[in-house]
Every structure is written in structure tokens, then in C-alpha cells.
């Protein structure tokens, strides 16, 4: 909320009521899907084998956020996803997430067992020609990292915008929308100037709409 306010936005938190999504989007200029550890592997972020064991509010949040992303994308509202929001947006774009990165490859543990949010954990490299690279104005920059789930391939409707040195996808985007970017790291902690540039660009896109 502070990062949005600092960039000039008036942030509004949304109750997870899917029946009101169209009403919400009718008065908003952009949507940010935050992190929070509420995401599930599959399909569509909710694993049928474990959904009955999860708190009701967690299931409601994942279903709400997925529907919110899909409807906001249809309306071409500026969208920014962070961490869990990045994973939701990748699924909305036709992709999947890896439930446990370090179970798939032990060396990927560094994405979870890394420095605190307030410190850089590793670099990311932006893809040439991506909107993200245009926004941040550099080829690489440091980011924080604290996630056990992850993405190794972008959804079919999205493209990779940045990767970590070990190949984990760290940002995705859609160039067929006015602003549709999601990052696995948490830019609200402003580890580098690139993080501030991303928030500024998101708010500018919302204001322009």
C-alpha cells in the first residue's frame, strides 16, 4: 500500500467477493495482485487433493484472484502481479507453477532459503525488447527472493520478461495489453531503482487509462 501511495496511486483493498468483480473493475484504473502464500499448485491454483484441508478464506482468495486477473485482462486494465500474484497471473495466461522448486532441483533452494525481503538475494536479467527492460532501463538488477513455488515456463499467452541466473522465470508480461507485468520478487521493498521504476510505470499506465 505504501509503495502504491508513494508512486501517486490511491490504493483500495478488495474483499474476495467474486460476484462483485465487475463492479470493482468499473471504478478502478488498475489492479495489483499481491503475494501472501495463498497460492496452490494446480489445476488453476487449487489442488483438488488438498483443497478440503485448506482454510476457506485461502481457497476463496485464490479463486477470486484468478477470476479478477482474467476479467481485468479482458478489460485491458493495467495489471501488476507480485510473488503469489505472479504465479496467479502465469496460470491465468495458460501456464503452471512448480509446487516445490528445491524438490525438483536442490540448487533452487536459494529462492526460498535466501536473504530477508529487505536485502538482495540474486540478480535478474531482463529479456531484450521486453516492456520490463524498457521500464527499468537496464539489463540486470538485484532483487529479493523468498518463494518455494515458482515458474520455469511462462504461460502460452505471456512471455518471459526476466530470469534468474539459474534459469527460474522471475517476470512475465503480455505485450498485447497496455500494461500486464508480474514479478516473482517483491518490488515494493525497493531493493534497487528498478523496483521504483516498475511501480511508477504501473501507476502511470493506470492514470493514462
C-alpha atoms as a PDB file:
ATOM      1  CA  UNK A   1       0.000   0.000   0.000  1.00  0.00           C
ATOM      2  CA  UNK A   2       2.843   2.401   0.836  1.00  0.00           C
ATOM      3  CA  UNK A   3       4.621   1.623  -2.427  1.00  0.00           C
ATOM      4  CA  UNK A   4       1.475   2.440  -4.398  1.00  0.00           C
ATOM      5  CA  UNK A   5       0.871   5.642  -2.454  1.00  0.00           C
ATOM      6  CA  UNK A   6       4.475   6.727  -2.948  1.00  0.00           C
ATOM      7  CA  UNK A   7       4.043   6.276  -6.691  1.00  0.00           C
ATOM      8  CA  UNK A   8       0.986   8.543  -6.684  1.00  0.00           C
ATOM      9  CA  UNK A   9      -1.850   6.000  -6.570  1.00  0.00           C
ATOM     10  CA  UNK A  10      -4.855   5.839  -4.263  1.00  0.00           C
ATOM     11  CA  UNK A  11      -4.771   2.162  -3.175  1.00  0.00           C
ATOM     12  CA  UNK A  12      -8.003   0.323  -2.368  1.00  0.00           C
ATOM     13  CA  UNK A  13      -8.161  -3.185  -0.854  1.00  0.00           C
ATOM     14  CA  UNK A  14     -10.783  -5.530  -2.306  1.00  0.00           C
ATOM     15  CA  UNK A  15     -12.867  -8.075  -0.387  1.00  0.00           C
ATOM     16  CA  UNK A  16     -12.637 -11.517  -2.009  1.00  0.00           C
ATOM     17  CA  UNK A  17     -16.190 -11.485  -3.332  1.00  0.00           C
ATOM     18  CA  UNK A  18     -16.163 -12.815  -6.897  1.00  0.00           C
ATOM     19  CA  UNK A  19     -19.713 -11.675  -7.635  1.00  0.00           C
ATOM     20  CA  UNK A  20     -18.589  -8.043  -7.262  1.00  0.00           C
ATOM     21  CA  UNK A  21     -15.586  -8.196  -9.613  1.00  0.00           C
ATOM     22  CA  UNK A  22     -17.270  -6.333 -12.443  1.00  0.00           C
ATOM     23  CA  UNK A  23     -18.395  -3.642 -10.007  1.00  0.00           C
ATOM     24  CA  UNK A  24     -14.848  -3.301  -8.663  1.00  0.00           C
ATOM     25  CA  UNK A  25     -13.333  -3.063 -12.127  1.00  0.00           C
ATOM     26  CA  UNK A  26     -15.903  -0.487 -13.147  1.00  0.00           C
ATOM     27  CA  UNK A  27     -14.357   2.053 -10.760  1.00  0.00           C
ATOM     28  CA  UNK A  28     -10.685   1.030 -10.709  1.00  0.00           C
ATOM     29  CA  UNK A  29      -7.901   2.198 -13.039  1.00  0.00           C
ATOM     30  CA  UNK A  30      -5.536  -0.720 -12.389  1.00  0.00           C
ATOM     31  CA  UNK A  31      -5.178  -3.920 -10.370  1.00  0.00           C
ATOM     32  CA  UNK A  32      -2.271  -5.215  -8.292  1.00  0.00           C
ATOM     33  CA  UNK A  33      -2.289  -8.859  -7.188  1.00  0.00           C
ATOM     34  CA  UNK A  34      -0.080  -9.132  -4.114  1.00  0.00           C
ATOM     35  CA  UNK A  35       1.789 -12.051  -2.599  1.00  0.00           C
ATOM     36  CA  UNK A  36       0.943 -13.794   0.629  1.00  0.00           C
ATOM     37  CA  UNK A  37       1.401 -17.540   0.368  1.00  0.00           C
ATOM     38  CA  UNK A  38      -2.165 -18.345  -0.630  1.00  0.00           C
ATOM     39  CA  UNK A  39      -1.453 -19.986  -3.981  1.00  0.00           C
ATOM     40  CA  UNK A  40      -1.832 -23.663  -4.861  1.00  0.00           C
ATOM     41  CA  UNK A  41      -0.082 -25.843  -7.453  1.00  0.00           C
ATOM     42  CA  UNK A  42      -2.795 -26.870  -9.935  1.00  0.00           C
ATOM     43  CA  UNK A  43      -5.195 -27.033 -11.604  1.00  0.00           C
ATOM     44  CA  UNK A  44      -5.915 -23.322 -11.689  1.00  0.00           C
ATOM     45  CA  UNK A  45      -4.016 -22.898  -8.403  1.00  0.00           C
ATOM     46  CA  UNK A  46      -6.246 -25.143  -6.296  1.00  0.00           C
ATOM     47  CA  UNK A  47      -5.185 -28.770  -5.826  1.00  0.00           C
ATOM     48  CA  UNK A  48      -8.361 -30.920  -5.553  1.00  0.00           C
ATOM     49  CA  UNK A  49      -6.478 -33.416  -3.368  1.00  0.00           C
ATOM     50  CA  UNK A  50      -5.833 -30.846  -0.643  1.00  0.00           C
ATOM     51  CA  UNK A  51      -8.448 -28.146  -1.106  1.00  0.00           C
ATOM     52  CA  UNK A  52     -10.695 -29.584   1.642  1.00  0.00           C
ATOM     53  CA  UNK A  53      -7.783 -29.328   4.092  1.00  0.00           C
ATOM     54  CA  UNK A  54      -7.166 -25.641   3.436  1.00  0.00           C
ATOM     55  CA  UNK A  55      -8.780 -22.697   5.260  1.00  0.00           C
ATOM     56  CA  UNK A  56     -11.878 -21.482   3.446  1.00  0.00           C
ATOM     57  CA  UNK A  57     -10.508 -17.944   3.121  1.00  0.00           C
ATOM     58  CA  UNK A  58      -7.394 -19.195   1.324  1.00  0.00           C
ATOM     59  CA  UNK A  59      -9.430 -21.054  -1.273  1.00  0.00           C
ATOM     60  CA  UNK A  60     -11.708 -18.047  -1.690  1.00  0.00           C
ATOM     61  CA  UNK A  61      -8.727 -15.782  -2.246  1.00  0.00           C
ATOM     62  CA  UNK A  62      -7.151 -17.928  -4.960  1.00  0.00           C
ATOM     63  CA  UNK A  63     -10.431 -18.317  -6.830  1.00  0.00           C
ATOM     64  CA  UNK A  64     -11.160 -14.613  -6.522  1.00  0.00           C
ATOM     65  CA  UNK A  65      -7.723 -13.514  -7.703  1.00  0.00           C
ATOM     66  CA  UNK A  66      -7.730 -15.827 -10.693  1.00  0.00           C
ATOM     67  CA  UNK A  67     -11.143 -14.534 -11.787  1.00  0.00           C
ATOM     68  CA  UNK A  68     -10.027 -10.957 -11.106  1.00  0.00           C
ATOM     69  CA  UNK A  69      -6.964 -11.343 -13.335  1.00  0.00           C
ATOM     70  CA  UNK A  70      -8.991 -12.919 -16.120  1.00  0.00           C
ATOM     71  CA  UNK A  71     -11.629 -10.170 -16.103  1.00  0.00           C
ATOM     72  CA  UNK A  72      -9.118  -7.340 -15.734  1.00  0.00           C
ATOM     73  CA  UNK A  73      -7.161  -8.772 -18.674  1.00  0.00           C
ATOM     74  CA  UNK A  74     -10.317  -8.864 -20.783  1.00  0.00           C
ATOM     75  CA  UNK A  75     -10.977  -5.199 -19.942  1.00  0.00           C
ATOM     76  CA  UNK A  76      -7.309  -4.325 -20.566  1.00  0.00           C
ATOM     77  CA  UNK A  77      -6.863  -2.748 -17.144  1.00  0.00           C
ATOM     78  CA  UNK A  78      -3.210  -2.311 -16.142  1.00  0.00           C
ATOM     79  CA  UNK A  79      -2.182  -5.359 -14.102  1.00  0.00           C
ATOM     80  CA  UNK A  80       0.809  -5.845 -11.831  1.00  0.00           C
ATOM     81  CA  UNK A  81       1.414  -9.154 -10.029  1.00  0.00           C
ATOM     82  CA  UNK A  82       3.841  -9.750  -7.168  1.00  0.00           C
ATOM     83  CA  UNK A  83       5.128 -13.142  -5.922  1.00  0.00           C
ATOM     84  CA  UNK A  84       1.919 -15.157  -5.440  1.00  0.00           C
ATOM     85  CA  UNK A  85       0.260 -12.693  -7.802  1.00  0.00           C
ATOM     86  CA  UNK A  86       2.937 -13.534 -10.364  1.00  0.00           C
ATOM     87  CA  UNK A  87       2.020 -17.211 -10.055  1.00  0.00           C
ATOM     88  CA  UNK A  88      -1.708 -16.470 -10.364  1.00  0.00           C
ATOM     89  CA  UNK A  89      -1.108 -14.384 -13.488  1.00  0.00           C
ATOM     90  CA  UNK A  90       1.032 -17.108 -15.059  1.00  0.00           C
ATOM     91  CA  UNK A  91      -1.769 -19.626 -14.557  1.00  0.00           C
ATOM     92  CA  UNK A  92      -4.269 -17.116 -15.967  1.00  0.00           C
ATOM     93  CA  UNK A  93      -2.012 -16.862 -19.027  1.00  0.00           C
ATOM     94  CA  UNK A  94      -2.210 -20.613 -19.577  1.00  0.00           C
ATOM     95  CA  UNK A  95       0.833 -21.671 -17.572  1.00  0.00           C
ATOM     96  CA  UNK A  96       1.571 -23.698 -14.457  1.00  0.00           C
ATOM     97  CA  UNK A  97       3.661 -23.381 -11.322  1.00  0.00           C
ATOM     98  CA  UNK A  98       6.160 -25.754  -9.705  1.00  0.00           C
ATOM     99  CA  UNK A  99       4.883 -26.612  -6.181  1.00  0.00           C
ATOM    100  CA  UNK A 100       8.384 -27.018  -4.720  1.00  0.00           C
ATOM    101  CA  UNK A 101      11.402 -25.734  -6.611  1.00  0.00           C
ATOM    102  CA  UNK A 102      14.018 -27.350  -4.373  1.00  0.00           C
ATOM    103  CA  UNK A 103      12.274 -30.733  -4.632  1.00  0.00           C
ATOM    104  CA  UNK A 104      12.709 -30.559  -8.388  1.00  0.00           C
ATOM    105  CA  UNK A 105      16.300 -29.302  -8.256  1.00  0.00           C
ATOM    106  CA  UNK A 106      18.106 -28.981  -4.892  1.00  0.00           C
ATOM    107  CA  UNK A 107      20.128 -25.966  -6.042  1.00  0.00           C
ATOM    108  CA  UNK A 108      16.907 -24.000  -6.438  1.00  0.00           C
ATOM    109  CA  UNK A 109      16.588 -23.844  -2.626  1.00  0.00           C
ATOM    110  CA  UNK A 110      18.242 -20.398  -2.753  1.00  0.00           C
ATOM    111  CA  UNK A 111      14.963 -18.868  -3.901  1.00  0.00           C
ATOM    112  CA  UNK A 112      13.414 -19.693  -0.539  1.00  0.00           C
ATOM    113  CA  UNK A 113      16.382 -20.002   1.804  1.00  0.00           C
ATOM    114  CA  UNK A 114      17.689 -16.598   0.855  1.00  0.00           C
ATOM    115  CA  UNK A 115      18.205 -13.179   2.429  1.00  0.00           C
ATOM    116  CA  UNK A 116      15.294 -11.311   4.075  1.00  0.00           C
ATOM    117  CA  UNK A 117      12.891  -9.274   1.966  1.00  0.00           C
ATOM    118  CA  UNK A 118      14.852  -6.112   2.736  1.00  0.00           C
ATOM    119  CA  UNK A 119      18.058  -7.497   1.174  1.00  0.00           C
ATOM    120  CA  UNK A 120      19.079  -8.530  -2.323  1.00  0.00           C
ATOM    121  CA  UNK A 121      19.210 -12.293  -2.877  1.00  0.00           C
ATOM    122  CA  UNK A 122      20.273 -12.518  -6.522  1.00  0.00           C
ATOM    123  CA  UNK A 123      20.242 -10.663  -9.831  1.00  0.00           C
ATOM    124  CA  UNK A 124      17.664 -10.923 -12.584  1.00  0.00           C
ATOM    125  CA  UNK A 125      18.391 -10.407 -16.270  1.00  0.00           C
ATOM    126  CA  UNK A 126      15.740  -8.724 -18.392  1.00  0.00           C
ATOM    127  CA  UNK A 127      14.830 -10.005 -21.836  1.00  0.00           C
ATOM    128  CA  UNK A 128      15.877  -7.739 -24.747  1.00  0.00           C
ATOM    129  CA  UNK A 129      12.863  -5.997 -26.226  1.00  0.00           C
ATOM    130  CA  UNK A 130      10.642  -6.625 -23.211  1.00  0.00           C
ATOM    131  CA  UNK A 131       8.486  -3.906 -21.724  1.00  0.00           C
ATOM    132  CA  UNK A 132      10.141  -4.563 -18.380  1.00  0.00           C
ATOM    133  CA  UNK A 133      13.585  -3.801 -19.819  1.00  0.00           C
ATOM    134  CA  UNK A 134      12.222  -0.553 -21.268  1.00  0.00           C
ATOM    135  CA  UNK A 135      10.738   0.414 -17.908  1.00  0.00           C
ATOM    136  CA  UNK A 136      13.791  -0.281 -15.751  1.00  0.00           C
ATOM    137  CA  UNK A 137      16.318   0.921 -18.335  1.00  0.00           C
ATOM    138  CA  UNK A 138      18.937  -1.729 -17.557  1.00  0.00           C
ATOM    139  CA  UNK A 139      19.863  -5.297 -18.468  1.00  0.00           C
ATOM    140  CA  UNK A 140      20.105  -6.629 -14.905  1.00  0.00           C
ATOM    141  CA  UNK A 141      19.466  -5.581 -11.331  1.00  0.00           C
ATOM    142  CA  UNK A 142      19.312  -7.131  -7.823  1.00  0.00           C
ATOM    143  CA  UNK A 143      16.065  -8.428  -6.325  1.00  0.00           C
ATOM    144  CA  UNK A 144      14.887 -10.080  -3.125  1.00  0.00           C
ATOM    145  CA  UNK A 145      13.605 -13.660  -3.123  1.00  0.00           C
ATOM    146  CA  UNK A 146      11.527 -15.739  -0.722  1.00  0.00           C
ATOM    147  CA  UNK A 147       9.355 -18.309  -2.500  1.00  0.00           C
ATOM    148  CA  UNK A 148       9.192 -22.088  -2.517  1.00  0.00           C
ATOM    149  CA  UNK A 149       6.861 -22.340  -5.519  1.00  0.00           C
ATOM    150  CA  UNK A 150       7.928 -20.968  -8.857  1.00  0.00           C
ATOM    151  CA  UNK A 151       7.660 -20.793 -12.621  1.00  0.00           C
ATOM    152  CA  UNK A 152      10.011 -22.403 -15.111  1.00  0.00           C
ATOM    153  CA  UNK A 153       7.984 -21.598 -18.247  1.00  0.00           C
ATOM    154  CA  UNK A 154       5.660 -18.667 -18.968  1.00  0.00           C
ATOM    155  CA  UNK A 155       2.021 -19.284 -19.837  1.00  0.00           C
ATOM    156  CA  UNK A 156       1.206 -19.599 -23.531  1.00  0.00           C
ATOM    157  CA  UNK A 157      -0.329 -16.105 -23.600  1.00  0.00           C
ATOM    158  CA  UNK A 158       2.641 -14.500 -21.831  1.00  0.00           C
ATOM    159  CA  UNK A 159       6.362 -14.170 -22.424  1.00  0.00           C
ATOM    160  CA  UNK A 160       9.383 -14.204 -20.135  1.00  0.00           C
ATOM    161  CA  UNK A 161      10.461 -10.696 -19.133  1.00  0.00           C
ATOM    162  CA  UNK A 162      13.273 -11.581 -16.698  1.00  0.00           C
ATOM    163  CA  UNK A 163      15.110 -14.662 -15.431  1.00  0.00           C
ATOM    164  CA  UNK A 164      17.367 -15.520 -12.507  1.00  0.00           C
ATOM    165  CA  UNK A 165      20.920 -16.775 -13.184  1.00  0.00           C
ATOM    166  CA  UNK A 166      19.757 -20.362 -12.519  1.00  0.00           C
ATOM    167  CA  UNK A 167      17.004 -20.186 -15.145  1.00  0.00           C
ATOM    168  CA  UNK A 168      13.968 -19.611 -12.903  1.00  0.00           C
ATOM    169  CA  UNK A 169      11.492 -17.248 -14.563  1.00  0.00           C
ATOM    170  CA  UNK A 170      11.331 -14.102 -12.436  1.00  0.00           C
ATOM    171  CA  UNK A 171       8.990 -11.897 -14.507  1.00  0.00           C
ATOM    172  CA  UNK A 172       6.390 -12.356 -17.230  1.00  0.00           C
ATOM    173  CA  UNK A 173       4.469  -9.914 -19.384  1.00  0.00           C
ATOM    174  CA  UNK A 174       1.926  -9.587 -22.176  1.00  0.00           C
ATOM    175  CA  UNK A 175       2.687  -7.095 -24.924  1.00  0.00           C
ATOM    176  CA  UNK A 176      -0.859  -7.333 -26.309  1.00  0.00           C
ATOM    177  CA  UNK A 177      -2.130  -5.440 -23.250  1.00  0.00           C
ATOM    178  CA  UNK A 178      -1.461  -1.843 -22.205  1.00  0.00           C
ATOM    179  CA  UNK A 179       0.319  -2.981 -19.013  1.00  0.00           C
ATOM    180  CA  UNK A 180       0.436  -6.600 -17.886  1.00  0.00           C
ATOM    181  CA  UNK A 181       3.544  -7.470 -15.883  1.00  0.00           C
ATOM    182  CA  UNK A 182       4.181  -9.816 -12.976  1.00  0.00           C
ATOM    183  CA  UNK A 183       7.331 -10.358 -10.893  1.00  0.00           C
ATOM    184  CA  UNK A 184       8.312 -13.239  -8.644  1.00  0.00           C
ATOM    185  CA  UNK A 185      10.259 -10.871  -6.389  1.00  0.00           C
ATOM    186  CA  UNK A 186       8.780  -8.131  -4.177  1.00  0.00           C
ATOM    187  CA  UNK A 187       9.454  -4.714  -5.789  1.00  0.00           C
ATOM    188  CA  UNK A 188       7.563  -2.926  -3.006  1.00  0.00           C
ATOM    189  CA  UNK A 189      10.726  -3.245  -0.894  1.00  0.00           C
ATOM    190  CA  UNK A 190      12.651  -1.110  -3.431  1.00  0.00           C
ATOM    191  CA  UNK A 191      15.863  -3.143  -3.414  1.00  0.00           C
ATOM    192  CA  UNK A 192      17.019  -1.110  -6.426  1.00  0.00           C
ATOM    193  CA  UNK A 193      15.873   1.839  -8.513  1.00  0.00           C
ATOM    194  CA  UNK A 194      14.351  -0.652 -10.945  1.00  0.00           C
ATOM    195  CA  UNK A 195      11.677  -1.544  -8.393  1.00  0.00           C
ATOM    196  CA  UNK A 196      10.597   2.074  -8.084  1.00  0.00           C
ATOM    197  CA  UNK A 197      10.526   2.411 -11.864  1.00  0.00           C
ATOM    198  CA  UNK A 198       8.152  -0.560 -12.083  1.00  0.00           C
ATOM    199  CA  UNK A 199       5.672   0.948  -9.615  1.00  0.00           C
ATOM    200  CA  UNK A 200       5.896   4.331 -11.331  1.00  0.00           C
ATOM    201  CA  UNK A 201       5.170   2.745 -14.717  1.00  0.00           C
ATOM    202  CA  UNK A 202       2.196   0.779 -13.355  1.00  0.00           C
ATOM    203  CA  UNK A 203       0.635   3.858 -11.769  1.00  0.00           C
ATOM    204  CA  UNK A 204       1.300   5.917 -14.910  1.00  0.00           C
ATOM    205  CA  UNK A 205      -0.449   3.280 -17.033  1.00  0.00           C
ATOM    206  CA  UNK A 206      -3.442   3.326 -14.682  1.00  0.00           C
ATOM    207  CA  UNK A 207      -3.574   7.130 -14.732  1.00  0.00           C
ATOM    208  CA  UNK A 208      -3.352   7.206 -18.543  1.00  0.00           C
ATOM    209  CA  UNK A 209      -6.271   4.822 -18.823  1.00  0.00           C
END
